[in-house]
Amino acid sequence: MTQIAPQPGIMEIDLYQGGAAHVAGLDNVVKLSSNENPLGPSPAAVEAYRRAAYDLHRYPSSDHSALRASIAEVLGLDAGRIICGAGSDEIIAFLCQAYAGPGTEVVHTEHGFAMYRISALAAGATPVEVPERERVTDVDAILAACTDTTRLVFIANPNNPTGTMIGLAEIERLAEGLPPQALLVLDGAYAEYVEGYDGGAALVDRRDNVVMTRTFSKLYGLGGLRIGWGYGPAHVIDVLNRVRGPFNLSQAALNAAEAAMRDRAYTDHCRAENARWRTWLADALAEIGVPSDVSLANFVLARFANQAEAEACDDYLKSQGLIVRRVAGYNLPQCLRITVGDESACRRVVHAVRQFKGGS
C-alpha cells in the first residue's frame, strides 16, 4: 500500500467552484455569476495588451516596478510597499504560506470569501469561522474568536457575497483589538465600487498589523488576466516577496493593468454605471418580493423564502438564459447572488424573476 500522502489539511479542501458560464441548449446566455464588469476593460488596457504580443519572447519584469508606480501615483500610496500577484487570491495564499501553518489559526467570517479557508488549509493552518450579524461583519465576534494561536484575520469589505461593509472606525477597532502576533487582512476586491473609500490604505499606513489586498478582476474588467496587488507594512511586504515567484505575472498582464489603472475616466464611468443599475436592480427586485441588503459592490444578494424557492428561481433563470450564483456554500442557501449587468441584463433578470414569482 502506498504511503504517499499530502500535507495535513489538503484533503479537507473542497474544490473551488467558479461561476457557471454556459447553459446546455441555449445560445443567448447572460453570465451574471462571477461579478464581472459588463462594460469590459478600458480600451487603453486592451491596446496595451495587444502591443505586448510583440515581446512574448521576453521574460516579464520581476519587480513589477511600472505597475507598482502607477498604483502608487493614482492612489497616493508608497510603491515600495506594494506587491503584485496573480489576482488577489495569490496574495491571500502568500499571507497564509508566510504567516500561518500547523498549530495556528486563521479567522474569517461565516459568509466570507471561500479562498480564506482554502488557503489556510493549504498552509496547514486551522480555519476558524465566526458568525456575522445579519450578514454584516461582527467585530466583537471576531475579537472573541482570537487566541494566542491566531495569525491572520480576513475580512472582505465590502463582503462577497453579501455586498455589505463596515465603517473605518470599526475596522480600526478590530485592528487595535487583535492579539499582537496577528495580522488583519482587508480584502478590497470590491473597494473601488465605494465612492471615497480607500480600502483601508490609510489604516495600513498608520499601523504595522494591517494588510490590504486589491484586484484588477472586478471594476477594471481584467479577470481573464489574473492580476491583483497588496499593500502593507514594509516588514510584511518584504516577507511576501521572499515567497513570491520572480515571474508570477506576464508582461502583457502587467501592461494592461498599468493602462487600466491610469485610465481614471473609464474607471469613474464604470463605477457610475454600476451604481445606477445596482440601485435599479435592487429596487425592482424588492418591488416583486425579493429583498436584498444595501449592496456596495457590483452584485446584489437576493433573498428568497427558503432554499427550495431560491433553487427553483435559479432553475427558472437558467431556462431563460440567465446564469446567477447559488451561495449555499457560503451558508446562504436561501439566496442568489446576481451580478449587476448592463441595462439589458438587469431588465431581463427582473422580468424573469417577476414571471417566476407570478407562477409560484
Protein backbone atom coordinates (compact mmCIF):
# COMPACT_ATOMS: atom_id res chain seq x y z
CA MET A 1 0.00 0.00 0.00
CA THR A 2 1.31 3.44 -0.90
CA GLN A 3 2.41 5.74 1.89
CA ILE A 4 2.36 8.81 -0.34
CA ALA A 5 0.08 11.39 1.27
CA PRO A 6 -0.48 15.14 1.04
CA GLN A 7 0.17 17.55 3.87
CA PRO A 8 -2.48 17.61 6.63
CA GLY A 9 -5.39 19.86 5.73
CA ILE A 10 -5.16 19.47 1.95
CA MET A 11 -7.85 16.80 1.69
CA GLU A 12 -10.21 18.95 3.78
CA ILE A 13 -10.33 21.48 0.95
CA ASP A 14 -13.48 21.45 -1.15
CA LEU A 15 -12.59 22.28 -4.74
CA TYR A 16 -13.47 25.88 -5.57
CA GLN A 17 -16.46 26.17 -7.89
CA GLY A 18 -16.34 29.18 -10.19
CA GLY A 19 -19.44 30.81 -11.59
CA ALA A 20 -21.07 28.85 -14.42
CA ALA A 21 -20.82 30.31 -17.92
CA HIS A 22 -22.97 28.04 -20.11
CA VAL A 23 -26.46 26.57 -20.20
CA ALA A 24 -26.89 23.44 -22.31
CA GLY A 25 -29.05 24.04 -25.36
CA LEU A 26 -29.13 27.83 -25.06
CA ASP A 27 -27.06 30.33 -27.04
CA ASN A 28 -28.23 33.77 -25.89
CA VAL A 29 -26.88 33.35 -22.37
CA VAL A 30 -26.06 36.20 -19.99
CA LYS A 31 -23.44 35.33 -17.35
CA LEU A 32 -24.16 37.06 -14.05
CA SER A 33 -22.41 34.59 -11.78
CA SER A 34 -18.84 35.90 -11.39
CA ASN A 35 -19.20 39.65 -10.69
CA GLU A 36 -17.51 40.63 -13.94
CA ASN A 37 -17.66 44.17 -15.34
CA PRO A 38 -20.30 44.06 -18.13
CA LEU A 39 -18.58 47.00 -19.84
CA GLY A 40 -15.30 45.10 -20.14
CA PRO A 41 -11.82 46.58 -19.70
CA SER A 42 -10.61 50.03 -20.64
CA PRO A 43 -9.79 50.37 -24.36
CA ALA A 44 -6.37 51.59 -23.24
CA ALA A 45 -5.84 48.30 -21.38
CA VAL A 46 -6.85 46.29 -24.46
CA GLU A 47 -4.40 48.23 -26.61
CA ALA A 48 -1.58 47.76 -24.06
CA TYR A 49 -2.27 44.03 -24.04
CA ARG A 50 -2.24 43.90 -27.83
CA ARG A 51 1.10 45.71 -28.05
CA ALA A 52 2.65 43.25 -25.60
CA ALA A 53 2.26 40.50 -28.21
CA TYR A 54 5.41 41.73 -29.96
CA ASP A 55 7.54 40.91 -26.91
CA LEU A 56 6.28 37.45 -25.99
CA HIS A 57 9.82 36.08 -26.27
CA ARG A 58 10.96 38.33 -23.40
CA TYR A 59 10.68 37.49 -19.72
CA PRO A 60 8.40 39.85 -17.79
CA SER A 61 9.54 42.35 -15.20
CA SER A 62 10.31 40.55 -11.97
CA ASP A 63 9.82 43.57 -9.71
CA HIS A 64 6.62 44.93 -11.35
CA SER A 65 8.03 48.42 -10.86
CA ALA A 66 6.00 50.17 -13.58
CA LEU A 67 2.67 48.81 -12.34
CA ARG A 68 3.53 49.47 -8.71
CA ALA A 69 4.48 53.05 -9.63
CA SER A 70 1.19 53.60 -11.44
CA ILE A 71 -0.83 52.27 -8.49
CA ALA A 72 1.15 54.45 -6.11
CA GLU A 73 0.74 57.55 -8.28
CA VAL A 74 -3.00 57.18 -8.85
CA LEU A 75 -3.91 56.16 -5.30
CA GLY A 76 -1.31 58.09 -3.33
CA LEU A 77 0.49 55.07 -1.90
CA ASP A 78 4.11 54.04 -1.29
CA ALA A 79 5.24 51.97 -4.29
CA GLY A 80 7.83 50.22 -2.14
CA ARG A 81 5.09 48.66 -0.02
CA ILE A 82 3.04 47.25 -2.93
CA ILE A 83 3.25 43.63 -4.06
CA CYS A 84 1.58 42.24 -7.19
CA GLY A 85 0.16 38.77 -7.67
CA ALA A 86 -1.94 36.51 -9.88
CA GLY A 87 -5.18 38.00 -8.63
CA SER A 88 -5.59 38.97 -5.01
CA ASP A 89 -6.03 35.20 -4.45
CA GLU A 90 -2.27 34.77 -4.76
CA ILE A 91 -1.60 37.48 -2.19
CA ILE A 92 -4.01 35.70 0.18
CA ALA A 93 -2.11 32.45 -0.42
CA PHE A 94 1.25 34.19 0.19
CA LEU A 95 -0.03 35.53 3.52
CA CYS A 96 -1.14 32.07 4.67
CA GLN A 97 2.07 30.46 3.44
CA ALA A 98 4.23 33.04 5.19
CA TYR A 99 2.37 33.59 8.46
CA ALA A 100 0.10 30.59 9.12
CA GLY A 101 0.87 26.88 9.39
CA PRO A 102 0.34 23.83 11.59
CA GLY A 103 -0.75 24.76 15.10
CA THR A 104 -2.02 28.20 14.09
CA GLU A 105 -5.48 29.57 13.30
CA VAL A 106 -6.86 31.78 10.53
CA VAL A 107 -10.09 33.64 11.32
CA HIS A 108 -12.76 34.50 8.74
CA THR A 109 -16.48 35.26 8.84
CA GLU A 110 -19.26 32.79 8.08
CA HIS A 111 -20.14 34.40 4.73
CA GLY A 112 -16.56 35.28 3.80
CA PHE A 113 -14.72 34.51 0.54
CA ALA A 114 -14.01 30.78 0.13
CA MET A 115 -10.29 31.30 -0.54
CA TYR A 116 -9.63 32.26 3.09
CA ARG A 117 -10.48 28.76 4.28
CA ILE A 118 -8.85 27.08 1.28
CA SER A 119 -5.55 28.97 1.65
CA ALA A 120 -5.47 28.39 5.40
CA LEU A 121 -5.91 24.63 4.96
CA ALA A 122 -3.33 24.56 2.17
CA ALA A 123 -0.83 26.07 4.61
CA GLY A 124 -1.68 23.50 7.28
CA ALA A 125 -3.45 26.05 9.48
CA THR A 126 -6.87 25.69 11.10
CA PRO A 127 -9.59 27.96 9.68
CA VAL A 128 -11.93 29.44 12.30
CA GLU A 129 -15.34 30.63 11.12
CA VAL A 130 -17.12 33.32 13.14
CA PRO A 131 -20.74 34.46 12.85
CA GLU A 132 -21.85 37.66 11.18
CA ARG A 133 -24.68 39.85 12.42
CA GLU A 134 -27.48 39.86 9.84
CA ARG A 135 -24.96 39.32 7.02
CA VAL A 136 -22.64 42.08 8.28
CA THR A 137 -19.15 41.57 9.71
CA ASP A 138 -19.28 41.45 13.52
CA VAL A 139 -16.10 42.90 15.01
CA ASP A 140 -16.90 41.69 18.53
CA ALA A 141 -17.42 38.11 17.30
CA ILE A 142 -14.06 38.22 15.51
CA LEU A 143 -12.22 39.53 18.55
CA ALA A 144 -13.86 36.89 20.75
CA ALA A 145 -12.60 34.18 18.38
CA CYS A 146 -8.98 35.30 18.51
CA THR A 147 -6.50 33.38 20.64
CA ASP A 148 -2.75 33.20 21.08
CA THR A 149 -2.66 30.88 18.05
CA THR A 150 -4.41 33.34 15.72
CA ARG A 151 -2.08 34.53 12.97
CA LEU A 152 -4.38 36.02 10.33
CA VAL A 153 -7.85 37.60 10.31
CA PHE A 154 -9.51 38.02 6.92
CA ILE A 155 -12.43 40.31 6.21
CA ALA A 156 -13.71 41.43 2.82
CA ASN A 157 -15.04 44.98 2.88
CA PRO A 158 -17.43 45.19 1.03
CA ASN A 159 -18.00 41.50 1.57
CA ASN A 160 -18.64 38.85 -1.06
CA PRO A 161 -21.34 37.51 -1.38
CA THR A 162 -23.31 39.79 0.94
CA GLY A 163 -22.32 43.18 -0.53
CA THR A 164 -22.34 44.70 2.96
CA MET A 165 -19.47 46.53 4.67
CA ILE A 166 -18.43 48.05 7.97
CA GLY A 167 -17.03 51.55 8.54
CA LEU A 168 -13.41 52.52 9.02
CA ALA A 169 -13.92 53.17 12.73
CA GLU A 170 -14.99 49.54 13.21
CA ILE A 171 -12.07 48.30 11.13
CA GLU A 172 -9.67 50.33 13.25
CA ARG A 173 -11.26 48.95 16.42
CA LEU A 174 -10.70 45.46 15.07
CA ALA A 175 -7.06 46.16 14.23
CA GLU A 176 -6.49 47.69 17.66
CA GLY A 177 -8.03 44.70 19.45
CA LEU A 178 -6.14 41.89 17.71
CA PRO A 179 -3.55 39.88 19.63
CA PRO A 180 0.00 41.12 18.97
CA GLN A 181 1.02 38.19 16.74
CA ALA A 182 -1.95 38.55 14.34
CA LEU A 183 -2.32 40.38 11.04
CA LEU A 184 -5.60 41.89 9.84
CA VAL A 185 -6.11 41.38 6.10
CA LEU A 186 -8.60 43.73 4.42
CA ASP A 187 -9.77 42.17 1.18
CA GLY A 188 -10.69 45.12 -1.02
CA ALA A 189 -11.73 43.26 -4.18
CA TYR A 190 -14.83 45.47 -4.34
CA ALA A 191 -13.42 48.60 -2.68
CA GLU A 192 -13.37 50.55 -5.96
CA TYR A 193 -17.16 50.44 -6.13
CA VAL A 194 -17.46 52.52 -2.94
CA GLU A 195 -17.12 56.23 -3.64
CA GLY A 196 -14.46 57.82 -1.45
CA TYR A 197 -13.33 54.56 0.21
CA ASP A 198 -9.59 53.83 0.23
CA GLY A 199 -9.96 50.14 1.05
CA GLY A 200 -8.15 50.71 4.33
CA ALA A 201 -4.96 52.14 2.80
CA ALA A 202 -4.69 54.97 5.34
CA LEU A 203 -5.03 52.46 8.16
CA VAL A 204 -2.24 50.36 6.62
CA ASP A 205 -0.05 53.48 6.68
CA ARG A 206 -0.78 54.07 10.37
CA ARG A 207 -0.34 50.54 11.68
CA ASP A 208 2.07 47.62 11.43
CA ASN A 209 -0.57 44.86 11.65
CA VAL A 210 -2.88 45.64 8.69
CA VAL A 211 -2.54 44.48 5.07
CA MET A 212 -4.85 45.40 2.18
CA THR A 213 -5.45 43.28 -0.93
CA ARG A 214 -6.99 44.55 -4.18
CA THR A 215 -7.73 43.18 -7.65
CA PHE A 216 -8.00 44.19 -11.29
CA SER A 217 -10.62 41.49 -11.89
CA LYS A 218 -13.75 43.44 -10.94
CA LEU A 219 -14.12 47.16 -11.71
CA TYR A 220 -11.12 47.16 -14.05
CA GLY A 221 -12.52 44.26 -16.09
CA LEU A 222 -9.32 42.20 -16.25
CA GLY A 223 -10.48 38.96 -14.63
CA GLY A 224 -9.12 36.95 -17.54
CA LEU A 225 -5.57 38.16 -16.87
CA ARG A 226 -5.46 37.22 -13.17
CA ILE A 227 -3.76 40.23 -11.64
CA GLY A 228 -4.07 41.76 -8.21
CA TRP A 229 -1.96 43.50 -5.60
CA GLY A 230 -1.43 44.05 -1.92
CA TYR A 231 -0.34 46.97 0.25
CA GLY A 232 1.13 46.55 3.68
CA PRO A 233 3.81 47.44 6.20
CA ALA A 234 7.34 47.16 4.86
CA HIS A 235 8.12 44.17 7.09
CA VAL A 236 5.17 42.21 5.66
CA ILE A 237 5.83 43.07 2.02
CA ASP A 238 9.46 42.04 2.44
CA VAL A 239 8.34 38.63 3.72
CA LEU A 240 5.78 38.13 0.95
CA ASN A 241 8.31 38.97 -1.76
CA ARG A 242 10.53 36.19 -0.43
CA VAL A 243 7.87 33.57 -1.24
CA ARG A 244 6.64 35.19 -4.46
CA GLY A 245 7.88 33.62 -7.67
CA PRO A 246 10.07 36.08 -9.62
CA PHE A 247 7.94 35.89 -12.77
CA ASN A 248 4.48 35.33 -11.31
CA LEU A 249 2.82 37.80 -13.73
CA SER A 250 3.06 38.04 -17.50
CA GLN A 251 4.25 41.28 -19.09
CA ALA A 252 1.00 41.52 -21.05
CA ALA A 253 -0.99 41.44 -17.81
CA LEU A 254 1.32 44.00 -16.19
CA ASN A 255 0.99 46.38 -19.13
CA ALA A 256 -2.78 46.04 -19.33
CA ALA A 257 -3.18 46.61 -15.59
CA GLU A 258 -1.00 49.72 -15.69
CA ALA A 259 -3.09 51.18 -18.53
CA ALA A 260 -6.31 50.31 -16.71
CA MET A 261 -5.10 51.96 -13.51
CA ARG A 262 -4.20 55.17 -15.33
CA ASP A 263 -7.49 55.40 -17.27
CA ARG A 264 -9.35 57.09 -14.44
CA ALA A 265 -12.14 58.44 -16.65
CA TYR A 266 -13.10 54.93 -17.70
CA THR A 267 -12.96 53.70 -14.10
CA ASP A 268 -15.26 56.53 -13.00
CA HIS A 269 -17.68 55.69 -15.83
CA CYS A 270 -17.83 52.01 -14.84
CA ARG A 271 -18.38 52.89 -11.18
CA ALA A 272 -21.22 55.26 -12.02
CA GLU A 273 -22.95 52.79 -14.34
CA ASN A 274 -22.69 50.03 -11.74
CA ALA A 275 -24.18 52.25 -9.03
CA ARG A 276 -27.06 53.27 -11.29
CA TRP A 277 -28.07 49.77 -12.31
CA ARG A 278 -27.35 48.23 -8.91
CA THR A 279 -29.90 50.58 -7.34
CA TRP A 280 -32.40 49.91 -10.12
CA LEU A 281 -31.97 46.13 -9.88
CA ALA A 282 -32.29 46.02 -6.08
CA ASP A 283 -35.35 48.28 -6.07
CA ALA A 284 -37.07 46.39 -8.89
CA LEU A 285 -36.50 43.02 -7.22
CA ALA A 286 -37.76 44.36 -3.88
CA GLU A 287 -40.97 45.51 -5.54
CA ILE A 288 -41.72 41.91 -6.57
CA GLY A 289 -40.97 40.47 -3.16
CA VAL A 290 -37.26 39.66 -3.41
CA PRO A 291 -35.38 41.80 -0.87
CA SER A 292 -31.64 42.36 -0.54
CA ASP A 293 -29.33 44.20 1.80
CA VAL A 294 -27.94 47.51 0.56
CA SER A 295 -25.04 46.39 -1.62
CA LEU A 296 -21.85 48.42 -2.01
CA ALA A 297 -20.33 46.08 -4.59
CA ASN A 298 -21.27 45.05 -8.14
CA PHE A 299 -23.88 42.46 -7.22
CA VAL A 300 -26.98 42.07 -5.11
CA LEU A 301 -27.70 39.18 -2.76
CA ALA A 302 -31.32 38.35 -3.49
CA ARG A 303 -33.13 36.68 -0.57
CA PHE A 304 -35.95 34.16 -1.00
CA ALA A 305 -38.32 32.49 1.44
CA ASN A 306 -36.19 29.36 1.68
CA GLN A 307 -33.60 27.26 -0.14
CA ALA A 308 -36.22 25.50 -2.27
CA GLU A 309 -37.56 28.77 -3.64
CA ALA A 310 -34.05 30.12 -4.32
CA GLU A 311 -33.08 26.99 -6.22
CA ALA A 312 -36.34 26.91 -8.16
CA CYS A 313 -35.82 30.55 -9.17
CA ASP A 314 -32.25 29.77 -10.22
CA ASP A 315 -33.52 26.90 -12.38
CA TYR A 316 -36.08 29.18 -13.99
CA LEU A 317 -33.48 31.88 -14.65
CA LYS A 318 -31.25 29.29 -16.33
CA SER A 319 -34.14 28.27 -18.57
CA GLN A 320 -34.31 31.92 -19.64
CA GLY A 321 -30.58 32.06 -20.38
CA LEU A 322 -29.65 33.92 -17.18
CA ILE A 323 -26.82 32.48 -15.06
CA VAL A 324 -26.60 33.70 -11.46
CA ARG A 325 -24.82 32.19 -8.45
CA ARG A 326 -26.18 29.90 -5.77
CA VAL A 327 -24.43 30.62 -2.47
CA ALA A 328 -25.32 27.70 -0.23
CA GLY A 329 -21.56 27.11 0.04
CA TYR A 330 -21.36 30.49 1.78
CA ASN A 331 -24.02 29.46 4.32
CA LEU A 332 -26.69 31.36 2.41
CA PRO A 333 -28.82 28.60 0.84
CA GLN A 334 -31.90 30.83 0.61
CA CYS A 335 -30.10 33.44 -1.51
CA LEU A 336 -28.89 34.00 -5.06
CA ARG A 337 -26.04 36.35 -5.86
CA ILE A 338 -26.79 38.34 -9.00
CA THR A 339 -24.06 40.34 -10.72
CA VAL A 340 -25.10 43.82 -11.83
CA GLY A 341 -25.03 43.59 -15.61
CA ASP A 342 -25.77 46.22 -18.24
CA GLU A 343 -29.25 47.67 -18.69
CA SER A 344 -30.46 44.81 -20.89
CA ALA A 345 -29.24 42.15 -18.46
CA CYS A 346 -30.78 43.85 -15.43
CA ARG A 347 -34.13 44.21 -17.16
CA ARG A 348 -34.05 40.58 -18.29
CA VAL A 349 -33.37 39.40 -14.72
CA VAL A 350 -36.23 41.39 -13.24
CA HIS A 351 -38.62 40.28 -15.95
CA ALA A 352 -37.69 36.62 -15.40
CA VAL A 353 -37.94 36.81 -11.60
CA ARG A 354 -41.33 38.52 -11.94
CA GLN A 355 -42.51 35.68 -14.18
CA PHE A 356 -41.19 33.12 -11.70
CA LYS A 357 -42.87 34.77 -8.71
CA GLY A 358 -46.11 35.14 -10.60
CA GLY A 359 -46.17 31.44 -11.33
CA SER A 360 -45.11 30.27 -7.91
